[in-house]
Protein backbone atom coordinates (compact mmCIF):
# COMPACT_ATOMS: atom_id res chain seq x y z
CA MET A 1 0.00 0.00 0.00
CA ILE A 2 1.43 3.44 -0.91
CA SER A 3 0.65 6.73 0.83
CA GLY A 4 -0.28 9.93 -0.86
CA LEU A 5 3.30 11.13 -0.42
CA GLY A 6 4.62 8.10 -2.25
CA LYS A 7 5.77 6.28 0.88
CA LEU A 8 5.39 2.47 0.96
CA ILE A 9 3.08 1.87 3.88
CA TYR A 10 2.76 -1.89 3.69
CA SER A 11 4.10 -4.59 1.50
CA THR A 12 4.25 -8.36 1.52
CA GLU A 13 7.54 -10.11 1.33
CA ALA A 14 6.94 -11.22 -2.17
CA TYR A 15 6.70 -7.75 -3.48
CA ARG A 16 9.64 -5.98 -1.93
CA PHE A 17 10.45 -4.68 -5.33
CA LEU A 18 7.86 -1.98 -4.63
CA GLU A 19 9.99 -0.41 -1.91
CA ASP A 20 11.09 2.10 -4.40
CA ALA A 21 7.57 2.71 -5.52
CA GLY A 22 7.59 6.00 -3.75
CA LYS A 23 9.92 7.29 -6.32
CA LYS A 24 8.21 10.16 -7.98
CA PRO A 25 8.05 8.91 -11.63
CA PHE A 26 6.32 5.74 -10.64
CA TYR A 27 4.07 7.44 -8.19
CA GLU A 28 3.15 10.09 -10.70
CA LYS A 29 2.26 7.31 -13.09
CA ILE A 30 -0.15 5.51 -10.79
CA ARG A 31 -1.52 8.06 -8.35
CA ASN A 32 -4.10 9.50 -10.71
CA GLU A 33 -5.07 6.29 -12.50
CA ASN A 34 -6.71 3.00 -11.76
CA SER A 35 -4.89 0.51 -13.96
CA TYR A 36 -2.64 -2.51 -14.04
CA PHE A 37 0.71 -3.64 -15.35
CA THR A 38 2.70 -6.81 -15.60
CA VAL A 39 6.13 -7.64 -14.37
CA ARG A 40 8.17 -10.79 -14.89
CA MET A 41 9.56 -12.08 -11.64
CA GLY A 42 11.47 -15.27 -11.04
CA GLY A 43 10.63 -16.57 -14.48
CA ARG A 44 6.88 -16.09 -13.88
CA GLU A 45 4.59 -13.41 -15.20
CA LYS A 46 3.02 -11.22 -12.47
CA LEU A 47 0.01 -8.96 -12.85
CA PHE A 48 -0.07 -5.80 -10.71
CA SER A 49 -3.33 -3.91 -10.42
CA TYR A 50 -3.70 -0.63 -8.45
CA ALA A 51 -6.52 1.59 -7.31
CA HIS A 52 -6.75 5.02 -5.49
CA SER A 53 -8.51 5.31 -2.19
CA LYS A 54 -10.12 8.53 -3.23
CA GLY A 55 -12.42 6.49 -5.44
CA TYR A 56 -14.05 5.03 -2.30
CA LYS A 57 -16.18 7.12 0.13
CA ARG A 58 -14.97 5.23 3.18
CA PHE A 59 -11.29 6.07 2.40
CA LYS A 60 -12.02 9.48 0.90
CA GLY A 61 -9.70 11.30 3.33
CA LEU A 62 -6.77 9.06 2.63
CA ASN A 63 -4.54 9.52 -0.33
CA TRP A 64 -3.40 5.96 -0.70
CA VAL A 65 -2.82 3.70 -3.63
CA LEU A 66 -3.64 0.06 -3.21
CA VAL A 67 -1.44 -2.18 -5.33
CA MET A 68 -2.14 -5.89 -5.62
CA ALA A 69 0.09 -8.50 -7.29
CA HIS A 70 -1.22 -11.70 -8.86
CA ASP A 71 0.47 -14.71 -10.43
CA ILE A 72 -0.90 -14.76 -14.00
CA GLU A 73 -0.42 -18.50 -14.25
CA GLU A 74 -2.55 -19.00 -11.13
CA ILE A 75 -5.19 -16.61 -12.47
CA LEU A 76 -5.34 -18.29 -15.87
CA LYS A 77 -5.08 -21.84 -14.57
CA PRO A 78 -8.88 -22.54 -14.66
CA SER A 79 -9.18 -21.04 -18.13
CA ILE A 80 -6.21 -23.05 -19.32
CA VAL A 81 -7.79 -26.18 -17.93
CA LEU A 82 -11.07 -25.22 -19.64
CA LYS A 83 -9.21 -24.48 -22.85
CA ARG A 84 -7.52 -27.83 -22.71
CA ARG A 85 -10.82 -29.51 -22.10
CA ILE A 86 -12.42 -27.58 -24.98
CA ILE A 87 -9.56 -28.59 -27.28
CA THR A 88 -9.87 -32.18 -26.17
CA VAL A 89 -13.62 -32.16 -26.70
CA SER A 90 -13.15 -30.44 -30.08
CA ILE A 91 -10.63 -33.02 -31.14
CA GLY A 92 -13.04 -35.75 -30.04
CA LEU A 93 -15.89 -34.11 -31.92
CA ILE A 94 -13.72 -33.74 -35.00
CA ALA A 95 -12.67 -37.38 -34.74
CA LEU A 96 -16.30 -38.38 -34.28
CA GLY A 97 -17.27 -36.28 -37.29
CA LEU A 98 -14.55 -37.87 -39.36
CA CYS A 99 -15.75 -41.29 -38.29
CA ILE A 100 -19.32 -40.37 -39.23
CA VAL A 101 -18.17 -38.98 -42.57
CA PHE A 102 -16.08 -42.07 -43.22
CA SER A 103 -19.00 -44.28 -42.28
CA LEU A 104 -21.32 -42.31 -44.56
CA SER A 105 -18.70 -42.52 -47.28
CA LEU A 106 -18.59 -46.27 -46.93
CA THR A 107 -22.39 -46.40 -46.93
CA ILE A 108 -23.00 -44.08 -49.92
CA THR A 109 -19.90 -43.86 -52.06
CA LYS A 110 -19.00 -47.56 -51.95
CA PRO A 111 -22.25 -48.61 -53.72
CA ILE A 112 -21.79 -45.74 -56.13
CA ASN A 113 -18.25 -46.92 -56.85
CA LYS A 114 -19.59 -50.41 -57.43
CA LEU A 115 -22.12 -49.04 -59.91
CA VAL A 116 -19.40 -47.01 -61.64
CA LYS A 117 -17.13 -50.06 -61.90
CA GLY A 118 -20.07 -52.12 -63.18
CA THR A 119 -20.82 -49.51 -65.85
CA GLN A 120 -17.17 -49.46 -66.88
CA ALA A 121 -17.10 -53.26 -67.07
CA ILE A 122 -20.21 -53.32 -69.28
CA GLY A 123 -18.73 -50.56 -71.40
CA LYS A 124 -15.74 -52.83 -72.00
CA GLY A 125 -18.03 -55.64 -73.13
CA ASP A 126 -18.29 -57.72 -69.92
CA LEU A 127 -22.05 -58.27 -69.95
CA LYS A 128 -21.75 -60.99 -67.29
CA HIS A 129 -20.69 -58.48 -64.64
CA ARG A 130 -23.20 -57.90 -61.81
CA VAL A 131 -23.34 -55.29 -59.02
CA HIS A 132 -23.79 -56.92 -55.60
CA ILE A 133 -25.65 -54.45 -53.35
CA LYS A 134 -28.18 -56.15 -51.13
CA THR A 135 -29.49 -53.17 -49.16
CA GLN A 136 -33.17 -52.28 -49.24
CA ASP A 137 -32.60 -48.57 -49.85
CA GLU A 138 -32.49 -46.61 -53.09
CA MET A 139 -28.96 -47.86 -53.87
CA GLY A 140 -30.12 -51.46 -53.57
CA GLN A 141 -33.06 -50.75 -55.91
CA LEU A 142 -30.73 -48.99 -58.36
CA ALA A 143 -28.35 -51.97 -58.28
CA ALA A 144 -31.23 -54.40 -58.88
CA ALA A 145 -32.43 -52.32 -61.85
CA PHE A 146 -28.85 -52.17 -63.13
CA ASN A 147 -28.46 -55.95 -62.92
CA GLU A 148 -31.83 -56.48 -64.63
CA MET A 149 -30.80 -54.17 -67.46
CA THR A 150 -27.46 -55.97 -67.74
CA GLU A 151 -29.25 -59.32 -67.87
CA LYS A 152 -31.46 -58.09 -70.73
CA LEU A 153 -28.42 -56.72 -72.54
CA SER A 154 -26.65 -60.03 -72.07
CA LYS A 155 -29.59 -61.98 -73.49
CA ALA A 156 -29.96 -59.54 -76.38
CA ASP A 157 -26.24 -59.82 -77.07
CA GLU A 158 -26.42 -63.62 -77.05
CA GLU A 159 -29.41 -63.56 -79.41
CA LEU A 160 -27.62 -61.07 -81.65
CA ARG A 161 -24.49 -63.20 -81.72
CA ALA A 162 -26.55 -66.30 -82.48
CA SER A 163 -28.43 -64.48 -85.24
CA GLU A 164 -25.21 -63.05 -86.64
CA SER A 165 -23.62 -66.49 -86.57
CA LYS A 166 -26.65 -68.04 -88.27
CA TYR A 167 -26.77 -65.46 -91.04
CA ARG A 168 -23.02 -65.43 -91.41
CA ASN A 169 -23.08 -69.20 -91.85
CA LEU A 170 -25.94 -68.79 -94.31
CA ALA A 171 -24.02 -66.13 -96.23
CA GLU A 172 -20.83 -68.16 -96.19
CA ASN A 173 -22.57 -71.23 -97.61
CA LEU A 174 -24.54 -69.51 -100.37
CA ASP A 175 -23.66 -70.24 -103.97
CA ASN A 176 -24.02 -66.53 -104.71
CA LEU A 177 -21.14 -64.23 -103.92
CA ILE A 178 -21.95 -61.77 -101.11
CA TYR A 179 -19.58 -58.83 -100.73
CA ARG A 180 -19.03 -55.39 -99.21
CA ALA A 181 -16.69 -52.92 -100.84
CA ASP A 182 -15.35 -49.40 -100.56
CA PRO A 183 -17.83 -47.18 -102.47
CA GLU A 184 -15.06 -45.04 -103.94
CA THR A 185 -12.44 -47.59 -104.99
CA PHE A 186 -14.73 -50.66 -105.25
CA ALA A 187 -12.08 -52.61 -103.26
CA ALA A 188 -13.75 -55.42 -101.31
CA ASN A 189 -13.49 -55.58 -97.51
CA TYR A 190 -15.69 -58.67 -97.14
CA VAL A 191 -16.51 -61.62 -99.40
CA ASN A 192 -18.00 -65.02 -98.62
CA ARG A 193 -16.56 -68.37 -99.65
CA ALA A 194 -18.43 -68.32 -102.97
CA ILE A 195 -15.56 -66.17 -104.26
CA HIS A 196 -13.60 -69.36 -104.84
CA LYS A 197 -16.44 -71.03 -106.75
CA ILE A 198 -17.03 -68.04 -109.04
CA TYR A 199 -13.52 -66.59 -109.44
CA GLY A 200 -11.21 -69.38 -108.31
CA TYR A 201 -9.50 -67.18 -105.69
CA SER A 202 -9.49 -67.67 -101.91
CA VAL A 203 -11.06 -65.12 -99.58
CA GLU A 204 -7.64 -64.01 -98.32
CA GLU A 205 -6.24 -63.57 -101.84
CA TRP A 206 -9.23 -61.49 -102.91
CA LEU A 207 -9.18 -59.21 -99.85
CA ASN A 208 -5.40 -58.70 -99.99
CA ASP A 209 -5.43 -57.55 -103.64
CA PRO A 210 -7.94 -54.68 -104.18
CA THR A 211 -7.30 -54.69 -107.95
CA LEU A 212 -8.54 -58.23 -108.61
CA TRP A 213 -12.17 -57.30 -109.26
CA GLU A 214 -11.34 -54.80 -111.99
CA ILE A 215 -8.66 -56.86 -113.73
CA THR A 216 -10.86 -59.98 -113.82
CA ILE A 217 -13.59 -58.18 -115.80
CA HIS A 218 -13.43 -59.21 -119.45
CA PRO A 219 -11.52 -56.51 -121.37
CA GLU A 220 -14.41 -56.04 -123.79
CA ASP A 221 -16.82 -55.38 -120.91
CA ARG A 222 -14.55 -53.52 -118.48
CA GLU A 223 -15.15 -49.95 -119.60
CA ARG A 224 -18.92 -50.41 -119.74
CA VAL A 225 -19.10 -52.08 -116.32
CA LEU A 226 -16.96 -49.46 -114.57
CA SER A 227 -18.98 -46.69 -116.20
CA GLU A 228 -22.30 -48.21 -115.13
CA PHE A 229 -21.17 -48.71 -111.54
CA ALA A 230 -19.73 -45.19 -111.38
CA GLU A 231 -23.02 -43.77 -112.65
CA ALA A 232 -24.97 -45.82 -110.12
CA GLN A 233 -22.66 -44.65 -107.33
CA LYS A 234 -23.10 -41.05 -108.36
CA SER A 235 -26.90 -41.26 -108.35
CA LEU A 236 -27.04 -43.75 -105.41
CA THR A 237 -29.36 -46.05 -107.36
CA ASP A 238 -29.47 -49.83 -107.17
CA LYS A 239 -27.95 -51.46 -110.21
CA VAL A 240 -27.85 -54.92 -111.78
CA VAL A 241 -25.15 -55.43 -114.40
CA GLN A 242 -24.37 -58.50 -116.47
CA TYR A 243 -20.83 -58.95 -117.70
CA ARG A 244 -18.14 -61.51 -118.38
CA ILE A 245 -15.30 -62.35 -116.01
CA ILE A 246 -12.05 -64.25 -116.45
CA ARG A 247 -11.52 -66.83 -113.72
CA ARG A 248 -8.16 -67.63 -112.22
CA ASP A 249 -7.95 -70.69 -114.49
CA GLY A 250 -8.64 -68.54 -117.57
CA ALA A 251 -12.25 -69.69 -118.08
CA VAL A 252 -14.74 -67.02 -119.17
CA ARG A 253 -17.98 -66.90 -117.17
CA PHE A 254 -21.07 -64.71 -117.26
CA VAL A 255 -22.06 -63.08 -113.95
CA GLU A 256 -25.00 -60.96 -112.84
CA ASP A 257 -23.88 -58.37 -110.30
CA GLY A 258 -26.47 -56.45 -108.26
CA VAL A 259 -25.36 -53.62 -105.95
CA ASN A 260 -26.92 -51.18 -103.51
CA TRP A 261 -25.43 -48.33 -101.53
CA GLU A 262 -25.33 -48.06 -97.73
CA LEU A 263 -25.63 -44.63 -96.10
CA ASP A 264 -25.05 -43.63 -92.48
CA GLU A 265 -27.48 -41.59 -90.36
CA GLU A 266 -26.09 -38.37 -91.80
CA GLY A 267 -26.65 -39.56 -95.36
CA LYS A 268 -22.96 -40.16 -96.04
CA LEU A 269 -22.07 -43.04 -98.35
CA VAL A 270 -20.22 -45.68 -96.31
CA SER A 271 -20.40 -48.96 -98.22
CA MET A 272 -21.15 -50.69 -101.50
CA ASN A 273 -23.01 -53.98 -100.90
CA GLY A 274 -23.59 -56.54 -103.60
CA VAL A 275 -24.72 -60.00 -104.60
CA MET A 276 -23.15 -61.71 -107.61
CA ARG A 277 -24.21 -64.96 -109.22
CA ASP A 278 -22.89 -67.06 -112.04
CA VAL A 279 -25.41 -67.00 -114.92
CA THR A 280 -23.29 -68.81 -117.48
CA GLU A 281 -25.64 -71.79 -117.70
CA ARG A 282 -28.65 -69.51 -117.98
CA LYS A 283 -26.95 -67.60 -120.79
CA GLN A 284 -26.21 -70.85 -122.58
CA LYS A 285 -29.83 -71.94 -122.23
CA GLU A 286 -30.97 -68.55 -123.53
CA GLU A 287 -28.73 -68.99 -126.53
CA GLU A 288 -30.14 -72.46 -127.04
CA LYS A 289 -33.67 -71.05 -126.80
CA ARG A 290 -32.82 -68.36 -129.31
CA GLY A 291 -31.42 -70.95 -131.64
CA PHE A 292 -34.45 -73.17 -131.15
CA ALA A 293 -36.77 -70.19 -131.66
CA ALA A 294 -34.92 -69.23 -134.81
CA ARG A 295 -35.17 -72.77 -136.15
CA LEU A 296 -38.83 -72.96 -135.13
CA GLU A 297 -39.48 -69.67 -136.85
CA ALA A 298 -37.84 -70.94 -140.02
CA VAL A 299 -39.91 -74.13 -139.90
CA ASN A 300 -43.09 -72.13 -139.31
CA LYS A 301 -42.29 -69.85 -142.17
CA GLU A 302 -41.66 -72.82 -144.43
CA LEU A 303 -44.90 -74.43 -143.27
CA GLU A 304 -46.82 -71.21 -143.78
CA ALA A 305 -45.25 -70.74 -147.19
CA PHE A 306 -46.11 -74.35 -148.10
CA THR A 307 -49.69 -73.92 -146.87
CA TYR A 308 -50.07 -70.70 -148.77
CA SER A 309 -48.54 -72.22 -151.90
CA VAL A 310 -50.69 -75.35 -151.75
CA SER A 311 -53.83 -73.36 -151.05
CA HIS A 312 -53.09 -70.92 -153.81
CA ASP A 313 -52.13 -73.61 -156.32
CA LEU A 314 -55.26 -75.63 -155.55
CA SER A 315 -57.52 -72.66 -156.16
CA ALA A 316 -56.93 -72.60 -159.94
CA PRO A 317 -57.88 -76.26 -160.58
CA LEU A 318 -60.91 -75.92 -158.35
CA ARG A 319 -62.06 -72.84 -160.19
CA ALA A 320 -61.72 -74.79 -163.45
CA ILE A 321 -63.70 -77.76 -162.07
CA ASP A 322 -66.37 -75.40 -160.73
CA GLY A 323 -66.57 -73.54 -164.03
CA PHE A 324 -66.83 -76.67 -166.20
CA SER A 325 -69.40 -78.28 -163.91
CA ARG A 326 -71.59 -75.18 -164.11
CA ILE A 327 -71.23 -75.14 -167.93
CA LEU A 328 -72.40 -78.76 -168.07
CA LEU A 329 -75.37 -78.02 -165.80
CA GLU A 330 -76.35 -74.80 -167.55
CA ASP A 331 -75.58 -75.55 -171.21
CA HIS A 332 -75.87 -79.35 -171.46
CA SER A 333 -78.43 -80.23 -168.84
CA ALA A 334 -80.75 -81.49 -171.61
CA HIS A 335 -78.27 -84.25 -172.42
CA LEU A 336 -77.94 -85.31 -168.77
CA ASP A 337 -80.17 -87.70 -166.95
CA GLY A 338 -81.09 -87.34 -163.30
CA GLU A 339 -78.04 -89.24 -162.04
CA GLY A 340 -75.69 -87.09 -164.13
CA LYS A 341 -77.23 -83.92 -162.79
CA ARG A 342 -76.95 -85.27 -159.24
CA VAL A 343 -73.29 -86.07 -159.71
CA LEU A 344 -72.56 -82.62 -161.15
CA ASN A 345 -74.42 -80.95 -158.29
CA THR A 346 -72.39 -83.03 -155.81
CA ILE A 347 -69.19 -82.01 -157.62
CA ASP A 348 -70.26 -78.37 -157.50
CA LYS A 349 -71.13 -78.61 -153.80
CA ASN A 350 -67.82 -80.24 -152.86
CA VAL A 351 -65.85 -77.81 -155.03
CA LYS A 352 -67.43 -74.94 -153.14
CA LYS A 353 -66.68 -76.69 -149.85
CA MET A 354 -63.09 -77.21 -150.97
CA GLY A 355 -62.97 -73.56 -151.95
CA HIS A 356 -64.09 -72.53 -148.48
CA LEU A 357 -61.40 -74.76 -146.99
CA ILE A 358 -58.75 -73.24 -149.22
CA ASP A 359 -59.98 -69.72 -148.44
CA GLY A 360 -59.79 -70.56 -144.75
CA LEU A 361 -56.26 -71.92 -145.11
CA LEU A 362 -55.23 -68.83 -147.06
CA ALA A 363 -56.73 -66.58 -144.39
CA PHE A 364 -55.02 -68.60 -141.69
CA SER A 365 -51.62 -68.46 -143.40
CA ARG A 366 -51.96 -64.78 -144.28
CA LEU A 367 -52.76 -63.89 -140.69
CA ASP A 368 -49.14 -64.16 -139.58
CA ARG A 369 -48.01 -62.07 -142.53
CA LYS A 370 -50.35 -59.25 -141.77
CA SER A 371 -49.21 -56.42 -139.47
CA LEU A 372 -51.45 -55.39 -136.61
CA ASN A 373 -52.98 -51.94 -136.81
CA VAL A 374 -53.42 -51.39 -133.09
CA SER A 375 -56.05 -48.83 -132.07
CA HIS A 376 -58.80 -48.17 -129.56
CA ILE A 377 -61.76 -50.49 -130.31
CA ASN A 378 -65.40 -49.77 -129.51
CA MET A 379 -66.48 -53.34 -128.81
CA GLU A 380 -70.21 -52.58 -128.84
CA LYS A 381 -69.96 -51.09 -132.34
CA THR A 382 -67.79 -54.06 -133.43
CA VAL A 383 -70.42 -56.57 -132.24
CA GLN A 384 -73.21 -54.68 -134.03
CA ASP A 385 -71.19 -54.71 -137.27
CA ALA A 386 -70.68 -58.48 -136.88
CA ILE A 387 -74.43 -59.01 -136.37
CA GLU A 388 -75.20 -57.06 -139.53
CA GLN A 389 -72.79 -59.26 -141.49
CA LEU A 390 -74.52 -62.36 -140.19
CA ARG A 391 -78.13 -61.29 -140.84
CA PRO A 392 -78.43 -63.52 -143.94
CA LEU A 393 -77.25 -66.52 -141.87
CA MET A 394 -79.97 -65.92 -139.28
CA GLY A 395 -82.74 -65.97 -141.86
CA GLU A 396 -86.24 -66.05 -140.40
CA ARG A 397 -85.29 -68.02 -137.31
CA GLU A 398 -86.70 -67.07 -133.92
CA MET A 399 -83.63 -65.80 -132.17
CA ARG A 400 -82.85 -63.38 -129.35
CA LEU A 401 -79.54 -61.53 -129.42
CA ASP A 402 -78.66 -59.98 -126.06
CA VAL A 403 -75.70 -57.59 -126.23
CA GLN A 404 -74.56 -56.37 -122.80
CA THR A 405 -72.54 -53.24 -122.07
CA LEU A 406 -69.04 -53.87 -123.44
CA LEU A 407 -65.85 -52.15 -122.34
CA PRO A 408 -63.47 -50.91 -125.03
CA ALA A 409 -60.34 -52.87 -126.02
CA GLU A 410 -56.99 -52.27 -127.71
CA GLY A 411 -56.01 -54.11 -130.86
CA ASP A 412 -56.56 -54.47 -134.59
CA ARG A 413 -60.25 -53.76 -135.12
CA THR A 414 -60.50 -55.71 -138.40
CA LEU A 415 -59.09 -58.86 -136.78
CA ILE A 416 -61.14 -58.48 -133.59
CA LEU A 417 -64.22 -58.10 -135.81
CA GLU A 418 -63.30 -61.40 -137.46
CA VAL A 419 -63.06 -63.02 -134.01
CA VAL A 420 -66.56 -61.80 -133.11
CA VAL A 421 -67.97 -62.86 -136.49
CA ASN A 422 -66.56 -66.38 -136.12
CA LEU A 423 -67.84 -66.80 -132.57
CA LEU A 424 -71.31 -65.41 -133.41
CA SER A 425 -71.57 -67.54 -136.57
CA ASN A 426 -70.73 -70.62 -134.49
CA ALA A 427 -73.39 -69.65 -131.96
CA ILE A 428 -75.98 -69.16 -134.72
CA LYS A 429 -74.99 -72.46 -136.36
CA PHE A 430 -75.02 -74.60 -133.20
CA THR A 431 -78.34 -73.17 -131.96
CA GLY A 432 -79.97 -74.42 -135.15
CA PRO A 433 -81.72 -77.39 -133.51
CA VAL A 434 -83.10 -75.15 -130.72
CA SER A 435 -86.61 -73.81 -131.24
CA LYS A 436 -85.86 -70.49 -129.55
CA ALA A 437 -82.21 -69.54 -129.75
CA VAL A 438 -80.68 -67.17 -127.20
CA ILE A 439 -77.23 -65.68 -127.83
CA GLU A 440 -75.59 -63.36 -125.33
CA VAL A 441 -72.51 -61.19 -125.84
CA GLY A 442 -71.01 -59.74 -122.66
CA CYS A 443 -67.94 -58.59 -120.80
CA ARG A 444 -66.38 -59.19 -117.41
CA GLU A 445 -64.30 -56.37 -116.00
CA GLY A 446 -61.08 -57.40 -114.31
CA GLY A 447 -59.02 -54.28 -113.68
CA LYS A 448 -56.76 -54.00 -116.70
CA GLU A 449 -57.91 -57.36 -118.06
CA ASN A 450 -61.40 -57.43 -119.56
CA THR A 451 -62.82 -60.75 -120.67
CA TYR A 452 -65.36 -60.85 -123.52
CA TYR A 453 -67.64 -63.81 -124.12
CA VAL A 454 -70.28 -65.21 -126.51
CA ARG A 455 -72.79 -67.56 -124.86
CA ASP A 456 -75.50 -69.64 -126.53
CA ASN A 457 -78.10 -72.22 -125.56
CA GLY A 458 -77.26 -74.56 -128.43
CA VAL A 459 -76.07 -78.15 -128.57
CA GLY A 460 -72.95 -77.47 -126.44
CA PHE A 461 -70.03 -79.86 -126.29
CA ASP A 462 -68.26 -82.33 -124.04
CA MET A 463 -65.56 -80.58 -121.96
CA ALA A 464 -63.38 -83.67 -122.32
CA TYR A 465 -62.62 -82.48 -125.87
CA HIS A 466 -62.29 -78.74 -125.20
CA ASP A 467 -58.52 -78.79 -125.93
CA LYS A 468 -59.19 -79.98 -129.52
CA MET A 469 -61.64 -77.26 -130.46
CA PHE A 470 -59.08 -74.65 -131.52
CA GLY A 471 -56.96 -76.86 -133.78
CA VAL A 472 -57.05 -76.61 -137.58
CA PHE A 473 -59.65 -79.01 -139.10
CA GLN A 474 -60.59 -80.20 -135.59
CA ARG A 475 -64.37 -80.78 -135.36
CA LEU A 476 -66.58 -82.18 -132.60
CA HIS A 477 -69.55 -82.65 -134.94
CA SER A 478 -69.76 -84.22 -138.38
CA THR A 479 -70.41 -82.15 -141.52
CA LYS A 480 -73.75 -83.89 -141.85
CA GLU A 481 -74.85 -82.37 -138.54
CA PHE A 482 -73.31 -78.93 -138.98
CA GLU A 483 -71.53 -77.43 -141.94
CA GLY A 484 -68.11 -75.86 -141.53
CA THR A 485 -64.45 -76.04 -142.46
CA GLY A 486 -62.89 -76.58 -139.01
CA ILE A 487 -60.75 -73.46 -139.38
CA GLY A 488 -62.90 -70.78 -137.72
CA LEU A 489 -61.92 -71.40 -134.09
CA ALA A 490 -58.26 -71.95 -135.06
CA LEU A 491 -58.39 -68.56 -136.74
CA VAL A 492 -59.95 -67.04 -133.59
CA GLN A 493 -57.19 -68.46 -131.43
CA ARG A 494 -54.45 -67.25 -133.76
CA ILE A 495 -55.88 -63.71 -133.82
CA VAL A 496 -56.27 -63.54 -130.04
CA HIS A 497 -52.75 -64.90 -129.51
CA ARG A 498 -51.37 -62.33 -131.89
CA HIS A 499 -52.89 -59.70 -129.61
CA GLY A 500 -51.13 -61.23 -126.64
CA GLY A 501 -54.35 -62.64 -125.19
CA ARG A 502 -55.92 -66.02 -124.73
CA VAL A 503 -59.12 -67.82 -125.66
CA TRP A 504 -60.98 -70.72 -124.01
CA ALA A 505 -64.40 -72.35 -123.96
CA GLU A 506 -66.83 -73.92 -121.50
CA GLY A 507 -69.82 -76.04 -122.41
CA THR A 508 -72.25 -78.79 -121.54
CA VAL A 509 -73.84 -81.18 -124.03
CA ASN A 510 -77.34 -79.98 -125.03
CA GLU A 511 -77.10 -77.02 -122.66
CA GLY A 512 -75.04 -74.57 -124.65
CA ALA A 513 -71.52 -73.22 -124.77
CA THR A 514 -69.60 -70.07 -123.84
CA PHE A 515 -66.48 -68.87 -125.64
CA TYR A 516 -64.19 -66.37 -123.89
CA PHE A 517 -61.35 -64.24 -125.20
CA LEU A 518 -59.05 -61.80 -123.46
CA VAL A 519 -57.28 -58.89 -125.16
CA THR A 520 -55.84 -56.02 -123.14
CA GLU A 521 -53.58 -53.05 -123.60
CA LYS A 522 -51.34 -54.37 -120.82
CA LEU A 523 -50.75 -57.69 -122.62
CA ILE A 524 -50.05 -55.95 -125.90
CA ALA A 525 -47.53 -53.66 -124.19
CA GLU A 526 -45.82 -56.67 -122.62
CA CYS A 527 -45.62 -58.40 -125.99
CA ARG A 528 -44.09 -55.30 -127.52
CA LEU A 529 -41.41 -55.30 -124.82
CA ARG A 530 -40.77 -59.00 -125.35
CA ILE A 531 -40.24 -58.39 -129.05
CA ALA A 532 -37.98 -55.40 -128.51
CA ASP A 533 -35.82 -57.29 -126.01
CA CYS A 534 -35.62 -60.73 -127.60
CA GLY A 535 -32.65 -60.13 -129.92
CA MET A 536 -32.12 -59.78 -133.69
CA ARG A 537 -32.54 -63.43 -134.52
CA ILE A 538 -36.11 -63.61 -133.18
CA ALA A 539 -38.55 -61.74 -135.34
CA GLU A 540 -41.62 -62.42 -133.20
CA CYS A 541 -42.66 -62.87 -129.61
CA ILE A 542 -42.16 -66.52 -128.60
CA GLN A 543 -45.18 -66.46 -126.33
CA CYS A 544 -47.81 -65.00 -128.64
CA ARG A 545 -46.08 -64.70 -132.03
CA LEU A 546 -46.48 -60.93 -132.21
CA ARG A 547 -44.15 -59.65 -134.86
CA ASN A 548 -41.89 -56.60 -134.92
CA ALA A 549 -43.90 -54.91 -137.61
CA ASP A 550 -47.11 -55.21 -135.57
CA PHE A 551 -46.01 -52.22 -133.51
CA GLY A 552 -43.84 -50.44 -136.01
CA ILE A 553 -40.54 -51.79 -134.69
CA THR A 554 -38.07 -51.44 -137.50
CA LYS A 555 -35.33 -53.93 -138.16
CA LYS A 556 -32.75 -51.31 -137.26
CA GLU A 557 -34.47 -50.51 -133.94
CA HIS A 558 -34.99 -54.19 -133.24
CA GLY A 559 -31.34 -54.92 -133.85
CA LYS A 560 -30.32 -52.08 -131.54
CA ASN A 561 -32.57 -53.35 -128.76
CA GLY A 562 -31.32 -56.87 -129.31
CA ARG A 563 -27.69 -55.78 -128.99
CA GLU A 564 -28.45 -53.80 -125.84
CA ARG A 565 -30.24 -56.81 -124.38
CA ARG A 566 -27.38 -59.14 -125.16
CA SER A 567 -24.88 -56.68 -123.68
C-alpha cells in the first residue's frame, strides 16, 4: 500500500520490489489512475493492479494507492484447464465427425463406386458383370435395376451373336457371292466363300489384292461395267449389271452383279453392298432357246409358205372344175339324166366346200403375214357390225340376241371383228336345232384385263374335248350335222394370240356353250417389250407370235434393242 506522499506503507515479502515505488516517476504514473501492469519475476509473469482510495467514500480522506500482485499462471489456470478440455472435446468431436463422414462414405460412395465399376465393365463388353448391393434402400433398388438391365443386354447380345452367326453361316454357304466394298475404290473388304467357286481365288487372296475385281472383268466389258457402276454410285441407285469375267484358271464366265449403296445416319455413303451370281448356264440356255426359236421360226415360215402355196395352187384347178361343172349343168343339162345332174351338183357342192377350206387356209396363213394396226376399239360397235354381217345366216329363225354393255379394247379392229364374227356364226350355227335360240354377248371387268364372251343355248359340247376345239380341221360334230371347215376357231385363237391374249371355252352337251377371249392393252404392251428385247434373230414374240412390224418396230431398232439386251 502506498501513501499519498509516495511512501510504501505496507508490502508483503513477495513484493519488496515496490519499496522504491515512492519514487516520484512511478508514483506520478499511478496516483491518478486505476490501472494494471505486468512484471516478470522469477521466471513467472506477475500482474499488478492498483486503485486510489479517493475512489471510495470510506477512504475518501486518505490519499493511498492500493497495489495488488497476482500470479498470471494461477489466475489463468482454470481457463487453461477449460481451454484444454475444450480442445480435447473439439478433437473428439472432429474425430467423431470424421468417423461419421467415413462411415457415410462407406455407406454411400461404396455402392456408387460399385455401380461405376459395373458400368465401366459393361462398357468394356463384360455383360456378365453384376453389381452386388443387397441393401433395401435406393442404392439397392438402383443396383437391382442395373443388374436387370445388364441381364437383358446379355440376353440380347447372345441372341444377336446367335443371329449373326446363323446369317453369317448362311451367307458363307450360299452359292451366290456376297460382298461389301469401298464405295469409292470398289475394293472389297468382305466376301464369302463363294468367291472361290465363281472366281477361283481364296477369300484371303481377294481381300489382300484390291485390284482383282477390276482386272478380272473381261476386257471387252470392263469400260462399260466401270462406267455403269460409277453412274450408279453417283446417283445412289441400285444397279444390276451382267458382264463376263475371267476366272483364275482362264475360263470365261457370265455373272450378274447387283449392288446397292449403304448410307449412315447423316446420309454419307459408307459402303457398296452386292450379290453376284454365275449366270453362265442360264446364258447358254438362252442362246439355245434363241437358236431353237430361230429354227422354229424358219420351220413355221416354211410351213406357212407351203400352206399358202398349196392353197393358192389348188384354187386354180378348183375354179376350173367349178366352171366346167356349171357349164355342163347350164348348157348341157338337156343331155344329162337325173343321175348325171346329181353327180354334177355333188361335184359343184364339194368344189365350193373345198374352196371354203382353201380360203380358210389362205386366211389362216396370211394372218401371220399381216401387221397389226393397233387402235382403240369400240367393242359394242364391233359386235353390231358383226351381227349385220350375219343377218343372212340368221334368216327367219326365232332368235334373241342380247348384247350387254361392253368395255373398249386395244387391238386391230379388223381382226377383232373377225373373231366376233366367227364366234357369233358358231353360236348361230349350233343353236340351229333349238326352237328359240338365245345368244348373249357380254364382258367381265377385271381391272386391266377385260374378258369378252359369246354364250348360246345350243347343242354345247363335251368338256373332255375342249382342248381340240381350236386346232385346224378339228371338229366335234360331223359335216352332216353342222356345216363348216374346221378353221374358224383356229383362226380365232391365232388372232387372239397375236394380240397377246388367250381364248378358251366352256360347255355342256345340249345345254349350250360359252367362248371367252381376253385382249388387253397391258398384254399388248408386254408383248411389244418382249419383241424389242428378244434379240435380232427372233422376229416375233415366242409367247404369242407378235411380230416386230405389228407395232412399227423397225429392223434397225430391233437390232439395236437386241444388242443392248445381249450386252
